[in-house]
Amino acid sequence: MEWVLPDPFVIDIQVTQEAIDAYQHVNNSEYLRWAEQISWVHSEALGLSLERYRELDRAMVVQRHELDYLAPAFIDDKLQLATWIVACDGRFSLARRFQLKRVSDGRTLLNARTRFACVALTSGRPKRLPDEYQRIYGAAVVAE
């Protein structure tokens, strides 16, 4: 599979009936759900699990989503979703890019970007990225 950026973190997705809407294609909300899913799986693969977030009293919360829906997906489609961390300011925020492709024809169905802000879990207030986040997420940044 050819991707817009090098070295993606990729998950496989099989479209099931639950993802299909009244128009008989994948509902737009599923794309966003999949982006959240891969974000967690990627963070865990990097060593930052939900448990570690809780231990550090920090969370990366969505500040902004940008989703460009390019083509629909259908029941039984096999898809691949890729993500990259494309920015980490070392202080309060990071950004991810996403690309969703259909395996059968290689067509890109979605390009997306999400900006996250760091907050304390206990208060919900903005907080600096812990050193661990800066080190791990910072090392994973891919230049756009």
N, C-alpha and C. Protein backbone atom coordinates (compact mmCIF):
# COMPACT_ATOMS: atom_id res chain seq x y z
N MET A 1 0.86 -1.17 0.00
CA MET A 1 0.00 0.00 0.00
C MET A 1 0.90 1.24 0.00
N GLU A 2 0.55 2.19 -0.82
CA GLU A 2 1.30 3.44 -0.90
C GLU A 2 0.61 4.48 -0.02
N TRP A 3 1.40 5.14 0.83
CA TRP A 3 0.85 6.10 1.79
C TRP A 3 1.38 7.49 1.52
N VAL A 4 0.67 8.51 2.03
CA VAL A 4 1.06 9.90 1.80
C VAL A 4 2.32 10.29 2.56
N LEU A 5 2.62 9.58 3.65
CA LEU A 5 3.82 9.83 4.45
C LEU A 5 4.51 8.50 4.72
N PRO A 6 5.79 8.53 5.03
CA PRO A 6 6.52 7.28 5.28
C PRO A 6 6.22 6.69 6.66
N ASP A 7 6.48 5.41 6.79
CA ASP A 7 6.44 4.68 8.06
C ASP A 7 5.14 4.85 8.84
N PRO A 8 4.01 4.52 8.24
CA PRO A 8 2.74 4.66 8.96
C PRO A 8 2.57 3.57 10.02
N PHE A 9 1.77 3.86 11.00
CA PHE A 9 1.24 2.84 11.91
C PHE A 9 -0.11 2.47 11.32
N VAL A 10 -0.34 1.19 11.06
CA VAL A 10 -1.51 0.76 10.28
C VAL A 10 -2.31 -0.30 11.05
N ILE A 11 -3.64 -0.16 10.96
CA ILE A 11 -4.54 -1.23 11.42
C ILE A 11 -5.43 -1.65 10.26
N ASP A 12 -5.86 -2.90 10.32
CA ASP A 12 -6.80 -3.44 9.35
C ASP A 12 -8.22 -3.29 9.88
N ILE A 13 -9.14 -2.97 8.99
CA ILE A 13 -10.54 -2.82 9.34
C ILE A 13 -11.37 -3.61 8.34
N GLN A 14 -12.30 -4.40 8.84
CA GLN A 14 -13.27 -5.11 8.02
C GLN A 14 -14.62 -4.44 8.27
N VAL A 15 -15.23 -3.92 7.23
CA VAL A 15 -16.51 -3.21 7.40
C VAL A 15 -17.61 -4.23 7.70
N THR A 16 -18.29 -4.00 8.82
CA THR A 16 -19.38 -4.87 9.24
C THR A 16 -20.72 -4.13 9.10
N GLN A 17 -21.79 -4.87 9.23
CA GLN A 17 -23.13 -4.31 9.09
C GLN A 17 -23.39 -3.15 10.04
N GLU A 18 -22.82 -3.21 11.23
CA GLU A 18 -23.03 -2.16 12.22
C GLU A 18 -22.54 -0.79 11.75
N ALA A 19 -21.60 -0.77 10.82
CA ALA A 19 -21.03 0.49 10.32
C ALA A 19 -21.85 1.10 9.19
N ILE A 20 -22.81 0.35 8.67
CA ILE A 20 -23.56 0.76 7.48
C ILE A 20 -24.77 1.61 7.88
N ASP A 21 -25.00 2.68 7.12
CA ASP A 21 -26.12 3.58 7.42
C ASP A 21 -27.26 3.39 6.41
N ALA A 22 -28.24 4.28 6.45
CA ALA A 22 -29.41 4.18 5.59
C ALA A 22 -29.08 4.30 4.11
N TYR A 23 -27.92 4.88 3.78
CA TYR A 23 -27.50 5.01 2.38
C TYR A 23 -26.72 3.78 1.89
N GLN A 24 -26.60 2.79 2.76
CA GLN A 24 -25.92 1.53 2.45
C GLN A 24 -24.41 1.69 2.25
N HIS A 25 -23.84 2.69 2.90
CA HIS A 25 -22.38 2.80 2.95
C HIS A 25 -21.99 3.09 4.40
N VAL A 26 -20.70 3.12 4.67
CA VAL A 26 -20.23 3.37 6.02
C VAL A 26 -20.64 4.78 6.45
N ASN A 27 -21.23 4.86 7.63
CA ASN A 27 -21.63 6.15 8.18
C ASN A 27 -20.39 6.99 8.50
N ASN A 28 -20.51 8.29 8.26
CA ASN A 28 -19.38 9.20 8.48
C ASN A 28 -18.82 9.10 9.90
N SER A 29 -19.67 8.87 10.87
CA SER A 29 -19.21 8.81 12.25
C SER A 29 -18.26 7.64 12.50
N GLU A 30 -18.37 6.60 11.69
CA GLU A 30 -17.47 5.45 11.84
C GLU A 30 -16.02 5.83 11.54
N TYR A 31 -15.81 6.68 10.56
CA TYR A 31 -14.45 7.10 10.21
C TYR A 31 -13.79 7.78 11.41
N LEU A 32 -14.56 8.60 12.09
CA LEU A 32 -14.05 9.29 13.28
C LEU A 32 -13.78 8.30 14.40
N ARG A 33 -14.67 7.35 14.57
CA ARG A 33 -14.48 6.30 15.60
C ARG A 33 -13.21 5.50 15.31
N TRP A 34 -12.99 5.18 14.04
CA TRP A 34 -11.79 4.44 13.67
C TRP A 34 -10.53 5.27 13.93
N ALA A 35 -10.59 6.57 13.69
CA ALA A 35 -9.44 7.44 13.96
C ALA A 35 -9.12 7.44 15.46
N GLU A 36 -10.15 7.47 16.29
CA GLU A 36 -9.92 7.40 17.74
C GLU A 36 -9.32 6.05 18.11
N GLN A 37 -9.85 4.99 17.52
CA GLN A 37 -9.36 3.64 17.82
C GLN A 37 -7.88 3.50 17.48
N ILE A 38 -7.47 3.93 16.28
CA ILE A 38 -6.07 3.78 15.91
C ILE A 38 -5.16 4.68 16.75
N SER A 39 -5.67 5.82 17.17
CA SER A 39 -4.88 6.70 18.03
C SER A 39 -4.51 5.99 19.33
N TRP A 40 -5.48 5.32 19.93
CA TRP A 40 -5.21 4.59 21.16
C TRP A 40 -4.27 3.40 20.92
N VAL A 41 -4.52 2.65 19.87
CA VAL A 41 -3.68 1.49 19.59
C VAL A 41 -2.23 1.93 19.33
N HIS A 42 -2.06 3.02 18.58
CA HIS A 42 -0.73 3.54 18.30
C HIS A 42 -0.05 4.03 19.58
N SER A 43 -0.79 4.79 20.40
CA SER A 43 -0.21 5.27 21.66
C SER A 43 0.23 4.11 22.54
N GLU A 44 -0.61 3.08 22.63
CA GLU A 44 -0.25 1.90 23.42
C GLU A 44 0.99 1.21 22.85
N ALA A 45 1.09 1.13 21.52
CA ALA A 45 2.27 0.52 20.90
C ALA A 45 3.53 1.32 21.21
N LEU A 46 3.37 2.63 21.37
CA LEU A 46 4.51 3.48 21.73
C LEU A 46 4.84 3.41 23.22
N GLY A 47 3.96 2.82 24.02
CA GLY A 47 4.21 2.67 25.45
C GLY A 47 3.39 3.59 26.33
N LEU A 48 2.41 4.27 25.77
CA LEU A 48 1.55 5.17 26.54
C LEU A 48 0.12 4.65 26.55
N SER A 49 -0.18 3.83 27.53
CA SER A 49 -1.51 3.24 27.66
C SER A 49 -2.43 4.16 28.45
N LEU A 50 -3.70 3.84 28.48
CA LEU A 50 -4.66 4.59 29.28
C LEU A 50 -4.25 4.55 30.75
N GLU A 51 -3.76 3.42 31.20
CA GLU A 51 -3.32 3.30 32.59
C GLU A 51 -2.18 4.27 32.87
N ARG A 52 -1.25 4.40 31.91
CA ARG A 52 -0.12 5.33 32.10
C ARG A 52 -0.61 6.77 32.09
N TYR A 53 -1.57 7.08 31.23
CA TYR A 53 -2.17 8.41 31.24
C TYR A 53 -2.72 8.73 32.63
N ARG A 54 -3.42 7.76 33.21
CA ARG A 54 -4.02 7.97 34.54
C ARG A 54 -2.94 8.16 35.60
N GLU A 55 -1.89 7.35 35.53
CA GLU A 55 -0.79 7.48 36.50
C GLU A 55 -0.15 8.87 36.44
N LEU A 56 -0.06 9.43 35.25
CA LEU A 56 0.56 10.75 35.06
C LEU A 56 -0.45 11.90 35.20
N ASP A 57 -1.74 11.56 35.42
CA ASP A 57 -2.80 12.56 35.52
C ASP A 57 -2.83 13.49 34.30
N ARG A 58 -2.71 12.90 33.14
CA ARG A 58 -2.74 13.68 31.90
C ARG A 58 -3.58 12.95 30.87
N ALA A 59 -4.15 13.75 29.97
CA ALA A 59 -4.89 13.20 28.84
C ALA A 59 -4.64 14.09 27.63
N MET A 60 -4.66 13.48 26.47
CA MET A 60 -4.60 14.24 25.22
C MET A 60 -6.03 14.28 24.70
N VAL A 61 -6.64 15.46 24.76
CA VAL A 61 -8.03 15.61 24.35
C VAL A 61 -8.10 16.29 22.99
N VAL A 62 -9.12 15.94 22.25
CA VAL A 62 -9.28 16.51 20.91
C VAL A 62 -9.59 17.99 21.01
N GLN A 63 -8.82 18.76 20.26
CA GLN A 63 -9.06 20.19 20.14
C GLN A 63 -9.72 20.50 18.80
N ARG A 64 -9.32 19.73 17.77
CA ARG A 64 -9.88 19.98 16.44
C ARG A 64 -9.74 18.73 15.57
N HIS A 65 -10.81 18.40 14.85
CA HIS A 65 -10.78 17.35 13.83
C HIS A 65 -10.98 18.00 12.47
N GLU A 66 -10.23 17.53 11.49
CA GLU A 66 -10.47 17.90 10.09
C GLU A 66 -10.56 16.58 9.32
N LEU A 67 -11.71 16.33 8.71
CA LEU A 67 -11.92 15.08 7.99
C LEU A 67 -12.35 15.38 6.57
N ASP A 68 -11.62 14.85 5.62
CA ASP A 68 -11.97 14.97 4.21
C ASP A 68 -12.42 13.60 3.73
N TYR A 69 -13.74 13.48 3.52
CA TYR A 69 -14.34 12.24 3.04
C TYR A 69 -14.22 12.23 1.52
N LEU A 70 -13.48 11.28 0.97
CA LEU A 70 -13.18 11.28 -0.46
C LEU A 70 -13.99 10.26 -1.24
N ALA A 71 -14.37 9.16 -0.59
CA ALA A 71 -15.15 8.11 -1.26
C ALA A 71 -15.76 7.21 -0.18
N PRO A 72 -16.87 6.57 -0.49
CA PRO A 72 -17.52 5.72 0.50
C PRO A 72 -16.89 4.33 0.62
N ALA A 73 -17.11 3.73 1.77
CA ALA A 73 -16.78 2.32 1.98
C ALA A 73 -18.09 1.57 2.15
N PHE A 74 -18.06 0.27 1.85
CA PHE A 74 -19.28 -0.54 1.84
C PHE A 74 -19.10 -1.81 2.67
N ILE A 75 -20.22 -2.47 2.92
CA ILE A 75 -20.20 -3.71 3.68
C ILE A 75 -19.17 -4.68 3.11
N ASP A 76 -18.43 -5.32 3.99
CA ASP A 76 -17.41 -6.32 3.68
C ASP A 76 -16.12 -5.75 3.08
N ASP A 77 -16.04 -4.43 2.85
CA ASP A 77 -14.77 -3.87 2.38
C ASP A 77 -13.68 -4.13 3.41
N LYS A 78 -12.51 -4.45 2.90
CA LYS A 78 -11.32 -4.54 3.74
C LYS A 78 -10.58 -3.22 3.58
N LEU A 79 -10.31 -2.58 4.71
CA LEU A 79 -9.68 -1.27 4.71
C LEU A 79 -8.39 -1.30 5.53
N GLN A 80 -7.54 -0.34 5.26
CA GLN A 80 -6.38 -0.10 6.11
C GLN A 80 -6.38 1.36 6.50
N LEU A 81 -6.20 1.59 7.79
CA LEU A 81 -6.14 2.95 8.32
C LEU A 81 -4.74 3.18 8.85
N ALA A 82 -4.12 4.27 8.40
CA ALA A 82 -2.77 4.63 8.83
C ALA A 82 -2.82 5.91 9.64
N THR A 83 -1.88 6.03 10.57
CA THR A 83 -1.74 7.27 11.32
C THR A 83 -0.27 7.60 11.49
N TRP A 84 -0.04 8.89 11.65
CA TRP A 84 1.29 9.43 11.93
C TRP A 84 1.14 10.56 12.92
N ILE A 85 2.09 10.70 13.83
CA ILE A 85 2.18 11.91 14.63
C ILE A 85 3.01 12.87 13.81
N VAL A 86 2.42 14.02 13.50
CA VAL A 86 3.08 14.97 12.59
C VAL A 86 3.53 16.24 13.29
N ALA A 87 3.17 16.39 14.55
CA ALA A 87 3.63 17.55 15.32
C ALA A 87 3.53 17.24 16.80
N CYS A 88 4.51 17.70 17.55
CA CYS A 88 4.49 17.64 19.00
C CYS A 88 5.29 18.84 19.47
N ASP A 89 4.59 19.83 20.01
CA ASP A 89 5.28 21.08 20.34
C ASP A 89 6.10 21.00 21.62
N GLY A 90 6.03 19.86 22.34
CA GLY A 90 6.82 19.69 23.55
C GLY A 90 6.28 20.46 24.73
N ARG A 91 5.15 21.15 24.53
CA ARG A 91 4.57 21.93 25.62
C ARG A 91 3.15 21.48 25.92
N PHE A 92 2.22 21.69 24.95
CA PHE A 92 0.81 21.44 25.24
C PHE A 92 0.07 20.63 24.20
N SER A 93 0.63 20.45 23.00
CA SER A 93 -0.19 19.85 21.95
C SER A 93 0.59 18.90 21.05
N LEU A 94 -0.18 18.09 20.35
CA LEU A 94 0.36 17.26 19.28
C LEU A 94 -0.70 17.10 18.22
N ALA A 95 -0.26 16.68 17.03
CA ALA A 95 -1.19 16.50 15.91
C ALA A 95 -0.93 15.16 15.25
N ARG A 96 -2.00 14.55 14.78
CA ARG A 96 -1.94 13.30 14.02
C ARG A 96 -2.56 13.51 12.66
N ARG A 97 -2.04 12.75 11.70
CA ARG A 97 -2.69 12.63 10.39
C ARG A 97 -3.17 11.20 10.25
N PHE A 98 -4.21 11.06 9.41
CA PHE A 98 -4.79 9.75 9.15
C PHE A 98 -5.05 9.62 7.65
N GLN A 99 -4.94 8.40 7.16
CA GLN A 99 -5.31 8.09 5.78
C GLN A 99 -5.98 6.72 5.79
N LEU A 100 -7.19 6.64 5.23
CA LEU A 100 -7.94 5.39 5.15
C LEU A 100 -7.98 4.95 3.69
N LYS A 101 -7.58 3.69 3.44
CA LYS A 101 -7.57 3.16 2.08
C LYS A 101 -8.35 1.85 2.00
N ARG A 102 -8.96 1.63 0.85
CA ARG A 102 -9.60 0.35 0.56
C ARG A 102 -8.52 -0.57 -0.02
N VAL A 103 -8.41 -1.77 0.50
CA VAL A 103 -7.36 -2.69 0.08
C VAL A 103 -7.54 -3.14 -1.36
N SER A 104 -8.77 -3.41 -1.79
CA SER A 104 -9.01 -3.99 -3.12
C SER A 104 -8.53 -3.12 -4.27
N ASP A 105 -8.65 -1.80 -4.13
CA ASP A 105 -8.25 -0.92 -5.23
C ASP A 105 -7.23 0.15 -4.82
N GLY A 106 -6.85 0.17 -3.54
CA GLY A 106 -5.87 1.14 -3.08
C GLY A 106 -6.38 2.57 -3.00
N ARG A 107 -7.67 2.74 -3.18
CA ARG A 107 -8.24 4.09 -3.19
C ARG A 107 -8.28 4.70 -1.79
N THR A 108 -7.88 5.95 -1.69
CA THR A 108 -7.97 6.68 -0.43
C THR A 108 -9.41 7.13 -0.24
N LEU A 109 -9.99 6.75 0.90
CA LEU A 109 -11.37 7.09 1.22
C LEU A 109 -11.46 8.29 2.16
N LEU A 110 -10.41 8.51 2.94
CA LEU A 110 -10.42 9.57 3.93
C LEU A 110 -9.00 10.07 4.17
N ASN A 111 -8.87 11.38 4.25
CA ASN A 111 -7.68 12.02 4.80
C ASN A 111 -8.15 12.85 5.98
N ALA A 112 -7.44 12.79 7.08
CA ALA A 112 -7.88 13.51 8.27
C ALA A 112 -6.69 13.98 9.08
N ARG A 113 -6.98 14.93 9.95
CA ARG A 113 -5.98 15.48 10.85
C ARG A 113 -6.69 15.82 12.16
N THR A 114 -6.05 15.52 13.27
CA THR A 114 -6.59 15.85 14.59
C THR A 114 -5.51 16.55 15.40
N ARG A 115 -5.91 17.63 16.06
CA ARG A 115 -5.01 18.33 16.98
C ARG A 115 -5.50 18.02 18.40
N PHE A 116 -4.55 17.63 19.24
CA PHE A 116 -4.84 17.28 20.62
C PHE A 116 -4.18 18.28 21.57
N ALA A 117 -4.83 18.53 22.69
CA ALA A 117 -4.27 19.38 23.74
C ALA A 117 -4.12 18.55 25.01
N CYS A 118 -3.08 18.84 25.77
CA CYS A 118 -2.82 18.11 27.01
C CYS A 118 -3.55 18.79 28.16
N VAL A 119 -4.28 17.97 28.93
CA VAL A 119 -4.98 18.46 30.12
C VAL A 119 -4.72 17.51 31.29
N ALA A 120 -4.93 18.02 32.49
CA ALA A 120 -4.90 17.18 33.68
C ALA A 120 -6.22 16.41 33.74
N LEU A 121 -6.15 15.11 33.95
CA LEU A 121 -7.38 14.31 34.05
C LEU A 121 -8.23 14.73 35.24
N THR A 122 -7.59 15.09 36.34
CA THR A 122 -8.34 15.41 37.56
C THR A 122 -9.06 16.74 37.49
N SER A 123 -8.56 17.68 36.71
CA SER A 123 -9.18 19.00 36.67
C SER A 123 -9.74 19.39 35.30
N GLY A 124 -9.24 18.74 34.24
CA GLY A 124 -9.63 19.13 32.88
C GLY A 124 -8.94 20.39 32.40
N ARG A 125 -8.04 20.92 33.18
CA ARG A 125 -7.33 22.16 32.81
C ARG A 125 -6.09 21.86 31.99
N PRO A 126 -5.74 22.77 31.10
CA PRO A 126 -4.52 22.59 30.31
C PRO A 126 -3.29 22.41 31.20
N LYS A 127 -2.45 21.46 30.83
CA LYS A 127 -1.21 21.18 31.55
C LYS A 127 -0.12 20.86 30.54
N ARG A 128 1.10 21.10 30.92
CA ARG A 128 2.23 20.78 30.05
C ARG A 128 2.31 19.27 29.82
N LEU A 129 2.82 18.93 28.65
CA LEU A 129 3.07 17.52 28.37
C LEU A 129 4.10 16.99 29.36
N PRO A 130 3.85 15.85 29.99
CA PRO A 130 4.87 15.26 30.84
C PRO A 130 6.12 14.94 30.00
N ASP A 131 7.26 14.89 30.64
CA ASP A 131 8.51 14.58 29.93
C ASP A 131 8.39 13.29 29.13
N GLU A 132 7.71 12.30 29.70
CA GLU A 132 7.53 11.01 29.02
C GLU A 132 6.77 11.18 27.71
N TYR A 133 5.71 11.99 27.71
CA TYR A 133 4.96 12.26 26.48
C TYR A 133 5.85 12.96 25.47
N GLN A 134 6.59 13.97 25.93
CA GLN A 134 7.47 14.71 25.03
C GLN A 134 8.47 13.78 24.37
N ARG A 135 9.07 12.90 25.17
CA ARG A 135 10.09 11.99 24.66
C ARG A 135 9.49 10.98 23.68
N ILE A 136 8.40 10.33 24.08
CA ILE A 136 7.84 9.25 23.26
C ILE A 136 7.14 9.80 22.02
N TYR A 137 6.22 10.75 22.20
CA TYR A 137 5.51 11.30 21.05
C TYR A 137 6.46 12.12 20.18
N GLY A 138 7.36 12.85 20.80
CA GLY A 138 8.32 13.65 20.03
C GLY A 138 9.19 12.79 19.13
N ALA A 139 9.61 11.63 19.62
CA ALA A 139 10.45 10.73 18.82
C ALA A 139 9.68 10.09 17.67
N ALA A 140 8.35 10.06 17.77
CA ALA A 140 7.52 9.44 16.73
C ALA A 140 7.10 10.41 15.63
N VAL A 141 7.44 11.68 15.76
CA VAL A 141 6.99 12.67 14.76
C VAL A 141 7.57 12.36 13.39
N VAL A 142 6.69 12.41 12.40
CA VAL A 142 7.05 12.23 10.98
C VAL A 142 6.84 13.59 10.31
N ALA A 143 7.84 14.04 9.58
CA ALA A 143 7.73 15.33 8.89
C ALA A 143 6.73 15.22 7.74
N GLU A 144 5.91 16.26 7.62
CA GLU A 144 4.92 16.30 6.53
C GLU A 144 5.55 16.83 5.26
